[in-house]
Amino acid sequence: MNRYDGMSALVTGAASGIGRAMALRLADEGCAVLCADIDQEGTESTAAEVLEHGGKSAAVVLNVTDSDAVKDALERTVSEFGSIDVLMNNAGVGGGAGWDQTIAVNLSGVYYGLLHGCKMMAERGGGAIVNTASVAGLNGLIGSQGVTAPSDGPGAYTAAKHGVVGLTRQFAVTYGKQNVRVNALCPGYIFTPMTAGMRDREGGQQFLESLHPMGRLGEPEEIASAAAFLASTDASFVTGVALPIDGGYTAR
């Protein structure tokens, strides 16, 4: 029996990368998935792939910096599939987006998902939320020339991802007795469109690989696998955790 038979999920940032892998993994395990992203073509493509493989899915255009839109997407998951059991609070941007946009998407966007998602799940008997944080939520980032200056893009990214870890713990404590579990993933560098700019620079991929003791970058499916575990009943006594999935990055 699939772990998610009869369940429904909202996945933000589902157009590509980790979010796309999350949507496909949940659907593969029997979950109905509402794919959400600001990229309409990408999120519709992910939903179409789920349908092609026999799963249940739909797509919605979502800007996670809009609190009302996030609430509407959660409500649409219920109206479309009958429940909201899982939220993959995954949408994000790189630090190159600038301070205001990075904080708005990577931190406020996660907060809105928690604010509305936890309340809805608690009212419906429970559920599970997985936030996508980062190794930058646990450590400072190092650039190819040494420690990266906080005034640069990585400062905003690191601040936002540390905030995601804090929100994860706070909402886990707040909603623990209402059967809503909240956890976070802290990926290392992953083969996604977000890291393409860094990987494509001369020596960039080799440098990123050198940061991970396993000597390679991660794959989106590896993050999705951990997300599927944390949101499942296999992790029924796990909440408030910020789980590194980083090839040893944070063990150095």
C-alpha atoms as a PDB file:
ATOM      1  CA  MET A   1       0.000   0.000   0.000  1.00  0.00           C
ATOM      2  CA  ASN A   2       1.305   3.454  -0.876  1.00  0.00           C
ATOM      3  CA  ARG A   3       1.954   5.735   2.087  1.00  0.00           C
ATOM      4  CA  TYR A   4      -0.184   8.529   0.660  1.00  0.00           C
ATOM      5  CA  ASP A   5      -3.232   6.699  -0.684  1.00  0.00           C
ATOM      6  CA  GLY A   6      -6.321   8.884  -0.196  1.00  0.00           C
ATOM      7  CA  MET A   7      -4.275  11.936   0.819  1.00  0.00           C
ATOM      8  CA  SER A   8      -3.825  15.343  -0.798  1.00  0.00           C
ATOM      9  CA  ALA A   9      -0.917  17.784  -0.890  1.00  0.00           C
ATOM     10  CA  LEU A  10      -0.036  21.288  -1.968  1.00  0.00           C
ATOM     11  CA  VAL A  11       3.501  21.661  -3.314  1.00  0.00           C
ATOM     12  CA  THR A  12       4.815  25.184  -3.843  1.00  0.00           C
ATOM     13  CA  GLY A  13       7.676  25.836  -6.234  1.00  0.00           C
ATOM     14  CA  ALA A  14       6.512  22.794  -8.187  1.00  0.00           C
ATOM     15  CA  ALA A  15       7.569  24.006 -11.632  1.00  0.00           C
ATOM     16  CA  SER A  16      11.137  22.718 -11.434  1.00  0.00           C
ATOM     17  CA  GLY A  17      13.923  21.353  -9.283  1.00  0.00           C
ATOM     18  CA  ILE A  18      13.152  20.117  -5.801  1.00  0.00           C
ATOM     19  CA  GLY A  19       9.470  21.098  -5.935  1.00  0.00           C
ATOM     20  CA  ARG A  20       8.894  19.179  -9.135  1.00  0.00           C
ATOM     21  CA  ALA A  21      10.614  16.129  -7.653  1.00  0.00           C
ATOM     22  CA  MET A  22       8.475  16.423  -4.504  1.00  0.00           C
ATOM     23  CA  ALA A  23       5.254  16.526  -6.504  1.00  0.00           C
ATOM     24  CA  LEU A  24       6.230  13.512  -8.592  1.00  0.00           C
ATOM     25  CA  ARG A  25       7.369  11.515  -5.554  1.00  0.00           C
ATOM     26  CA  LEU A  26       4.178  12.172  -3.592  1.00  0.00           C
ATOM     27  CA  ALA A  27       2.041  11.302  -6.602  1.00  0.00           C
ATOM     28  CA  ASP A  28       4.031   8.122  -7.135  1.00  0.00           C
ATOM     29  CA  GLU A  29       3.061   7.112  -3.591  1.00  0.00           C
ATOM     30  CA  GLY A  30      -0.640   7.715  -4.180  1.00  0.00           C
ATOM     31  CA  CYS A  31      -1.058  11.358  -3.168  1.00  0.00           C
ATOM     32  CA  ALA A  32      -3.223  13.809  -5.101  1.00  0.00           C
ATOM     33  CA  VAL A  33      -1.101  16.904  -5.697  1.00  0.00           C
ATOM     34  CA  LEU A  34      -1.924  20.533  -6.390  1.00  0.00           C
ATOM     35  CA  CYS A  35       1.187  21.898  -8.096  1.00  0.00           C
ATOM     36  CA  ALA A  36       1.750  25.598  -7.420  1.00  0.00           C
ATOM     37  CA  ASP A  37       4.316  28.006  -8.798  1.00  0.00           C
ATOM     38  CA  ILE A  38       4.632  31.512 -10.185  1.00  0.00           C
ATOM     39  CA  ASP A  39       5.826  29.828 -13.400  1.00  0.00           C
ATOM     40  CA  GLN A  40       2.562  28.786 -15.032  1.00  0.00           C
ATOM     41  CA  GLU A  41       4.082  26.754 -17.856  1.00  0.00           C
ATOM     42  CA  GLY A  42       6.392  24.876 -15.514  1.00  0.00           C
ATOM     43  CA  THR A  43       3.796  24.010 -12.909  1.00  0.00           C
ATOM     44  CA  GLU A  44       1.327  22.885 -15.580  1.00  0.00           C
ATOM     45  CA  SER A  45       4.070  20.678 -17.010  1.00  0.00           C
ATOM     46  CA  THR A  46       4.629  19.040 -13.622  1.00  0.00           C
ATOM     47  CA  ALA A  47       0.905  18.453 -13.139  1.00  0.00           C
ATOM     48  CA  ALA A  48       0.662  16.991 -16.641  1.00  0.00           C
ATOM     49  CA  GLU A  49       3.490  14.560 -15.894  1.00  0.00           C
ATOM     50  CA  VAL A  50       1.676  13.371 -12.781  1.00  0.00           C
ATOM     51  CA  LEU A  51      -1.470  12.797 -14.832  1.00  0.00           C
ATOM     52  CA  GLU A  52       0.472  10.960 -17.531  1.00  0.00           C
ATOM     53  CA  HIS A  53       1.649   8.484 -14.896  1.00  0.00           C
ATOM     54  CA  GLY A  54      -1.872   7.878 -13.622  1.00  0.00           C
ATOM     55  CA  GLY A  55      -1.835  10.210 -10.628  1.00  0.00           C
ATOM     56  CA  LYS A  56      -4.236  12.945  -9.589  1.00  0.00           C
ATOM     57  CA  SER A  57      -3.006  16.493 -10.034  1.00  0.00           C
ATOM     58  CA  ALA A  58      -3.906  20.047 -10.926  1.00  0.00           C
ATOM     59  CA  ALA A  59      -1.928  23.256 -11.334  1.00  0.00           C
ATOM     60  CA  VAL A  60      -2.309  26.750  -9.955  1.00  0.00           C
ATOM     61  CA  VAL A  61      -0.285  29.909 -10.470  1.00  0.00           C
ATOM     62  CA  LEU A  62       0.859  31.109  -7.051  1.00  0.00           C
ATOM     63  CA  ASN A  63       2.955  33.987  -5.784  1.00  0.00           C
ATOM     64  CA  VAL A  64       3.828  32.914  -2.238  1.00  0.00           C
ATOM     65  CA  THR A  65       4.514  36.512  -1.172  1.00  0.00           C
ATOM     66  CA  ASP A  66       0.726  37.039  -1.274  1.00  0.00           C
ATOM     67  CA  SER A  67      -0.754  35.716   1.977  1.00  0.00           C
ATOM     68  CA  ASP A  68      -4.312  35.561   0.623  1.00  0.00           C
ATOM     69  CA  ALA A  69      -3.144  33.675  -2.468  1.00  0.00           C
ATOM     70  CA  VAL A  70      -1.397  31.075  -0.320  1.00  0.00           C
ATOM     71  CA  LYS A  71      -4.574  30.603   1.709  1.00  0.00           C
ATOM     72  CA  ASP A  72      -6.597  30.292  -1.492  1.00  0.00           C
ATOM     73  CA  ALA A  73      -4.219  27.610  -2.820  1.00  0.00           C
ATOM     74  CA  LEU A  74      -4.612  25.593   0.372  1.00  0.00           C
ATOM     75  CA  GLU A  75      -8.385  25.919   0.151  1.00  0.00           C
ATOM     76  CA  ARG A  76      -8.309  24.899  -3.499  1.00  0.00           C
ATOM     77  CA  THR A  77      -6.434  21.735  -2.537  1.00  0.00           C
ATOM     78  CA  VAL A  78      -9.374  20.843  -0.309  1.00  0.00           C
ATOM     79  CA  SER A  79     -12.002  21.736  -2.896  1.00  0.00           C
ATOM     80  CA  GLU A  80     -10.124  19.913  -5.668  1.00  0.00           C
ATOM     81  CA  PHE A  81      -9.221  16.725  -3.795  1.00  0.00           C
ATOM     82  CA  GLY A  82     -11.236  16.714  -0.559  1.00  0.00           C
ATOM     83  CA  SER A  83      -8.480  17.282   2.006  1.00  0.00           C
ATOM     84  CA  ILE A  84      -5.204  19.007   2.806  1.00  0.00           C
ATOM     85  CA  ASP A  85      -2.923  16.468   4.457  1.00  0.00           C
ATOM     86  CA  VAL A  86       0.508  17.649   3.340  1.00  0.00           C
ATOM     87  CA  LEU A  87       2.090  20.994   2.501  1.00  0.00           C
ATOM     88  CA  MET A  88       5.499  21.126   0.869  1.00  0.00           C
ATOM     89  CA  ASN A  89       6.425  24.737   1.634  1.00  0.00           C
ATOM     90  CA  ASN A  90       9.160  24.771  -0.968  1.00  0.00           C
ATOM     91  CA  ALA A  91       9.038  27.852  -3.217  1.00  0.00           C
ATOM     92  CA  GLY A  92      12.237  29.879  -3.117  1.00  0.00           C
ATOM     93  CA  VAL A  93      14.702  32.109  -4.932  1.00  0.00           C
ATOM     94  CA  GLY A  94      18.464  32.514  -4.792  1.00  0.00           C
ATOM     95  CA  GLY A  95      20.175  35.344  -2.965  1.00  0.00           C
ATOM     96  CA  GLY A  96      20.767  37.132  -6.253  1.00  0.00           C
ATOM     97  CA  ALA A  97      17.150  38.291  -6.143  1.00  0.00           C
ATOM     98  CA  GLY A  98      18.158  40.970  -3.608  1.00  0.00           C
ATOM     99  CA  TRP A  99      17.323  41.429   0.070  1.00  0.00           C
ATOM    100  CA  ASP A 100      13.643  42.396  -0.152  1.00  0.00           C
ATOM    101  CA  GLN A 101      12.622  39.754  -2.693  1.00  0.00           C
ATOM    102  CA  THR A 102      14.696  37.005  -1.069  1.00  0.00           C
ATOM    103  CA  ILE A 103      13.142  37.636   2.334  1.00  0.00           C
ATOM    104  CA  ALA A 104       9.662  38.009   0.819  1.00  0.00           C
ATOM    105  CA  VAL A 105       9.768  34.674  -1.016  1.00  0.00           C
ATOM    106  CA  ASN A 106      12.056  32.520   1.119  1.00  0.00           C
ATOM    107  CA  LEU A 107      10.863  33.617   4.554  1.00  0.00           C
ATOM    108  CA  SER A 108       7.497  35.383   4.340  1.00  0.00           C
ATOM    109  CA  GLY A 109       6.289  32.858   1.752  1.00  0.00           C
ATOM    110  CA  VAL A 110       7.073  30.017   4.140  1.00  0.00           C
ATOM    111  CA  TYR A 111       5.436  31.897   7.011  1.00  0.00           C
ATOM    112  CA  TYR A 112       2.193  32.328   5.068  1.00  0.00           C
ATOM    113  CA  GLY A 113       2.113  28.613   4.314  1.00  0.00           C
ATOM    114  CA  LEU A 114       2.596  27.811   7.992  1.00  0.00           C
ATOM    115  CA  LEU A 115       0.146  30.460   9.175  1.00  0.00           C
ATOM    116  CA  HIS A 116      -2.721  29.230   7.028  1.00  0.00           C
ATOM    117  CA  GLY A 117      -1.697  25.603   6.589  1.00  0.00           C
ATOM    118  CA  CYS A 118      -1.270  24.744  10.265  1.00  0.00           C
ATOM    119  CA  LYS A 119      -4.614  26.296  11.153  1.00  0.00           C
ATOM    120  CA  MET A 120      -6.449  24.459   8.368  1.00  0.00           C
ATOM    121  CA  MET A 121      -4.811  21.142   9.199  1.00  0.00           C
ATOM    122  CA  ALA A 122      -5.506  21.510  12.919  1.00  0.00           C
ATOM    123  CA  GLU A 123      -9.175  22.200  12.194  1.00  0.00           C
ATOM    124  CA  ARG A 124      -9.316  19.081  10.013  1.00  0.00           C
ATOM    125  CA  GLY A 125      -7.623  16.732  12.504  1.00  0.00           C
ATOM    126  CA  GLY A 126      -3.951  17.088  11.593  1.00  0.00           C
ATOM    127  CA  GLY A 127      -1.397  17.004   8.831  1.00  0.00           C
ATOM    128  CA  ALA A 128       2.268  17.472   8.006  1.00  0.00           C
ATOM    129  CA  ILE A 129       4.249  20.412   6.669  1.00  0.00           C
ATOM    130  CA  VAL A 130       7.759  20.226   5.271  1.00  0.00           C
ATOM    131  CA  ASN A 131       9.618  23.502   4.782  1.00  0.00           C
ATOM    132  CA  THR A 132      12.564  23.737   2.424  1.00  0.00           C
ATOM    133  CA  ALA A 133      15.354  25.471   4.316  1.00  0.00           C
ATOM    134  CA  SER A 134      19.027  24.958   3.394  1.00  0.00           C
ATOM    135  CA  VAL A 135      22.463  24.303   4.813  1.00  0.00           C
ATOM    136  CA  ALA A 136      22.430  28.125   4.829  1.00  0.00           C
ATOM    137  CA  GLY A 137      19.820  27.809   7.574  1.00  0.00           C
ATOM    138  CA  LEU A 138      22.383  26.068   9.763  1.00  0.00           C
ATOM    139  CA  ASN A 139      25.697  27.618   8.684  1.00  0.00           C
ATOM    140  CA  GLY A 140      27.125  30.641   6.963  1.00  0.00           C
ATOM    141  CA  LEU A 141      28.030  30.236   3.292  1.00  0.00           C
ATOM    142  CA  ILE A 142      31.537  30.147   1.865  1.00  0.00           C
ATOM    143  CA  GLY A 143      32.334  31.574  -1.561  1.00  0.00           C
ATOM    144  CA  SER A 144      35.097  30.481  -3.917  1.00  0.00           C
ATOM    145  CA  GLN A 145      37.273  33.330  -2.638  1.00  0.00           C
ATOM    146  CA  GLY A 146      36.572  32.622   1.037  1.00  0.00           C
ATOM    147  CA  VAL A 147      33.788  33.682   3.359  1.00  0.00           C
ATOM    148  CA  THR A 148      31.080  35.551   1.461  1.00  0.00           C
ATOM    149  CA  ALA A 149      30.384  39.123   2.587  1.00  0.00           C
ATOM    150  CA  PRO A 150      27.018  39.448   4.397  1.00  0.00           C
ATOM    151  CA  SER A 151      26.134  42.474   2.250  1.00  0.00           C
ATOM    152  CA  ASP A 152      26.064  40.284  -0.835  1.00  0.00           C
ATOM    153  CA  GLY A 153      23.154  38.076  -1.914  1.00  0.00           C
ATOM    154  CA  PRO A 154      24.151  35.175   0.339  1.00  0.00           C
ATOM    155  CA  GLY A 155      23.476  37.379   3.366  1.00  0.00           C
ATOM    156  CA  ALA A 156      19.793  37.641   2.507  1.00  0.00           C
ATOM    157  CA  TYR A 157      19.596  33.970   1.600  1.00  0.00           C
ATOM    158  CA  THR A 158      21.250  32.900   4.859  1.00  0.00           C
ATOM    159  CA  ALA A 159      19.050  35.190   6.942  1.00  0.00           C
ATOM    160  CA  ALA A 160      15.900  33.866   5.283  1.00  0.00           C
ATOM    161  CA  LYS A 161      16.857  30.215   5.640  1.00  0.00           C
ATOM    162  CA  HIS A 162      17.831  30.639   9.298  1.00  0.00           C
ATOM    163  CA  GLY A 163      14.389  32.178   9.696  1.00  0.00           C
ATOM    164  CA  VAL A 164      12.776  29.139   8.083  1.00  0.00           C
ATOM    165  CA  VAL A 165      14.460  26.858  10.624  1.00  0.00           C
ATOM    166  CA  GLY A 166      13.195  29.093  13.442  1.00  0.00           C
ATOM    167  CA  LEU A 167       9.657  29.155  12.068  1.00  0.00           C
ATOM    168  CA  THR A 168       9.752  25.373  11.730  1.00  0.00           C
ATOM    169  CA  ARG A 169      10.567  24.923  15.388  1.00  0.00           C
ATOM    170  CA  GLN A 170       8.054  27.517  16.584  1.00  0.00           C
ATOM    171  CA  PHE A 171       5.117  26.149  14.605  1.00  0.00           C
ATOM    172  CA  ALA A 172       6.045  22.588  15.579  1.00  0.00           C
ATOM    173  CA  VAL A 173       5.832  23.584  19.243  1.00  0.00           C
ATOM    174  CA  THR A 174       2.642  25.592  18.766  1.00  0.00           C
ATOM    175  CA  TYR A 175       0.721  22.891  16.881  1.00  0.00           C
ATOM    176  CA  GLY A 176       2.237  19.713  18.309  1.00  0.00           C
ATOM    177  CA  LYS A 177      -0.805  18.821  20.404  1.00  0.00           C
ATOM    178  CA  GLN A 178      -3.126  19.429  17.461  1.00  0.00           C
ATOM    179  CA  ASN A 179      -1.586  16.627  15.397  1.00  0.00           C
ATOM    180  CA  VAL A 180       0.191  18.959  12.966  1.00  0.00           C
ATOM    181  CA  ARG A 181       3.842  18.094  12.438  1.00  0.00           C
ATOM    182  CA  VAL A 182       6.249  20.680  11.026  1.00  0.00           C
ATOM    183  CA  ASN A 183       9.753  19.833   9.840  1.00  0.00           C
ATOM    184  CA  ALA A 184      12.387  21.348   7.592  1.00  0.00           C
ATOM    185  CA  LEU A 185      14.825  20.042   5.026  1.00  0.00           C
ATOM    186  CA  CYS A 186      18.298  21.570   4.811  1.00  0.00           C
ATOM    187  CA  PRO A 187      19.697  20.587   1.411  1.00  0.00           C
ATOM    188  CA  GLY A 188      23.253  21.136   0.345  1.00  0.00           C
ATOM    189  CA  TYR A 189      23.943  22.212  -3.238  1.00  0.00           C
ATOM    190  CA  ILE A 190      21.603  20.349  -5.588  1.00  0.00           C
ATOM    191  CA  PHE A 191      21.443  19.956  -9.366  1.00  0.00           C
ATOM    192  CA  THR A 192      18.590  22.412  -9.962  1.00  0.00           C
ATOM    193  CA  PRO A 193      18.047  25.502 -12.109  1.00  0.00           C
ATOM    194  CA  MET A 194      18.773  27.625  -9.026  1.00  0.00           C
ATOM    195  CA  THR A 195      22.392  26.418  -8.850  1.00  0.00           C
ATOM    196  CA  ALA A 196      22.988  26.486 -12.621  1.00  0.00           C
ATOM    197  CA  GLY A 197      24.580  29.931 -12.569  1.00  0.00           C
ATOM    198  CA  MET A 198      27.141  28.869  -9.988  1.00  0.00           C
ATOM    199  CA  ARG A 199      27.797  25.523 -11.648  1.00  0.00           C
ATOM    200  CA  ASP A 200      28.327  27.072 -15.066  1.00  0.00           C
ATOM    201  CA  ARG A 201      31.135  29.393 -13.951  1.00  0.00           C
ATOM    202  CA  GLU A 202      34.661  28.212 -14.651  1.00  0.00           C
ATOM    203  CA  GLY A 203      35.524  25.774 -11.879  1.00  0.00           C
ATOM    204  CA  GLY A 204      32.159  26.403 -10.230  1.00  0.00           C
ATOM    205  CA  GLN A 205      30.862  22.860 -10.102  1.00  0.00           C
ATOM    206  CA  GLN A 206      34.171  21.510  -8.861  1.00  0.00           C
ATOM    207  CA  PHE A 207      34.199  24.099  -6.082  1.00  0.00           C
ATOM    208  CA  LEU A 208      30.659  23.268  -5.004  1.00  0.00           C
ATOM    209  CA  GLU A 209      31.437  19.559  -5.052  1.00  0.00           C
ATOM    210  CA  SER A 210      34.477  20.183  -2.843  1.00  0.00           C
ATOM    211  CA  LEU A 211      32.219  21.618  -0.114  1.00  0.00           C
ATOM    212  CA  HIS A 212      30.529  18.238   0.328  1.00  0.00           C
ATOM    213  CA  PRO A 213      32.556  15.393   1.894  1.00  0.00           C
ATOM    214  CA  MET A 214      30.779  12.952  -0.414  1.00  0.00           C
ATOM    215  CA  GLY A 215      32.409  14.833  -3.303  1.00  0.00           C
ATOM    216  CA  ARG A 216      29.281  15.458  -5.355  1.00  0.00           C
ATOM    217  CA  LEU A 217      26.121  17.524  -5.542  1.00  0.00           C
ATOM    218  CA  GLY A 218      22.729  16.167  -4.596  1.00  0.00           C
ATOM    219  CA  GLU A 219      19.855  15.283  -6.897  1.00  0.00           C
ATOM    220  CA  PRO A 220      16.337  16.722  -6.484  1.00  0.00           C
ATOM    221  CA  GLU A 221      14.960  13.211  -6.058  1.00  0.00           C
ATOM    222  CA  GLU A 222      17.155  12.707  -2.990  1.00  0.00           C
ATOM    223  CA  ILE A 223      15.573  15.723  -1.335  1.00  0.00           C
ATOM    224  CA  ALA A 224      12.103  14.614  -2.376  1.00  0.00           C
ATOM    225  CA  SER A 225      12.710  11.202  -0.832  1.00  0.00           C
ATOM    226  CA  ALA A 226      13.495  12.763   2.543  1.00  0.00           C
ATOM    227  CA  ALA A 227      10.500  15.086   2.239  1.00  0.00           C
ATOM    228  CA  ALA A 228       8.208  12.142   1.545  1.00  0.00           C
ATOM    229  CA  PHE A 229       9.513  10.427   4.670  1.00  0.00           C
ATOM    230  CA  LEU A 230       9.057  13.463   6.922  1.00  0.00           C
ATOM    231  CA  ALA A 231       5.474  14.028   5.761  1.00  0.00           C
ATOM    232  CA  SER A 232       4.506  10.355   6.091  1.00  0.00           C
ATOM    233  CA  THR A 233       3.321   8.310   9.050  1.00  0.00           C
ATOM    234  CA  ASP A 234       6.775   6.710   9.089  1.00  0.00           C
ATOM    235  CA  ALA A 235       7.862   9.963  10.759  1.00  0.00           C
ATOM    236  CA  SER A 236       4.849  10.163  13.089  1.00  0.00           C
ATOM    237  CA  PHE A 237       6.971  11.097  16.140  1.00  0.00           C
ATOM    238  CA  VAL A 238       9.189  13.583  14.281  1.00  0.00           C
ATOM    239  CA  THR A 239       8.465  17.298  14.491  1.00  0.00           C
ATOM    240  CA  GLY A 240      10.516  20.479  14.808  1.00  0.00           C
ATOM    241  CA  VAL A 241      13.489  18.917  13.029  1.00  0.00           C
ATOM    242  CA  ALA A 242      15.811  20.678  10.566  1.00  0.00           C
ATOM    243  CA  LEU A 243      17.229  17.720   8.657  1.00  0.00           C
ATOM    244  CA  PRO A 244      20.467  18.199   6.697  1.00  0.00           C
ATOM    245  CA  ILE A 245      20.510  16.366   3.378  1.00  0.00           C
ATOM    246  CA  ASP A 246      23.844  17.641   2.294  1.00  0.00           C
ATOM    247  CA  GLY A 247      26.431  14.969   1.550  1.00  0.00           C
ATOM    248  CA  GLY A 248      28.177  15.847   4.800  1.00  0.00           C
ATOM    249  CA  TYR A 249      28.349  19.630   4.226  1.00  0.00           C
ATOM    250  CA  THR A 250      27.308  20.494   7.790  1.00  0.00           C
ATOM    251  CA  ALA A 251      29.461  17.750   9.330  1.00  0.00           C
ATOM    252  CA  ARG A 252      32.710  19.514   8.456  1.00  0.00           C
END
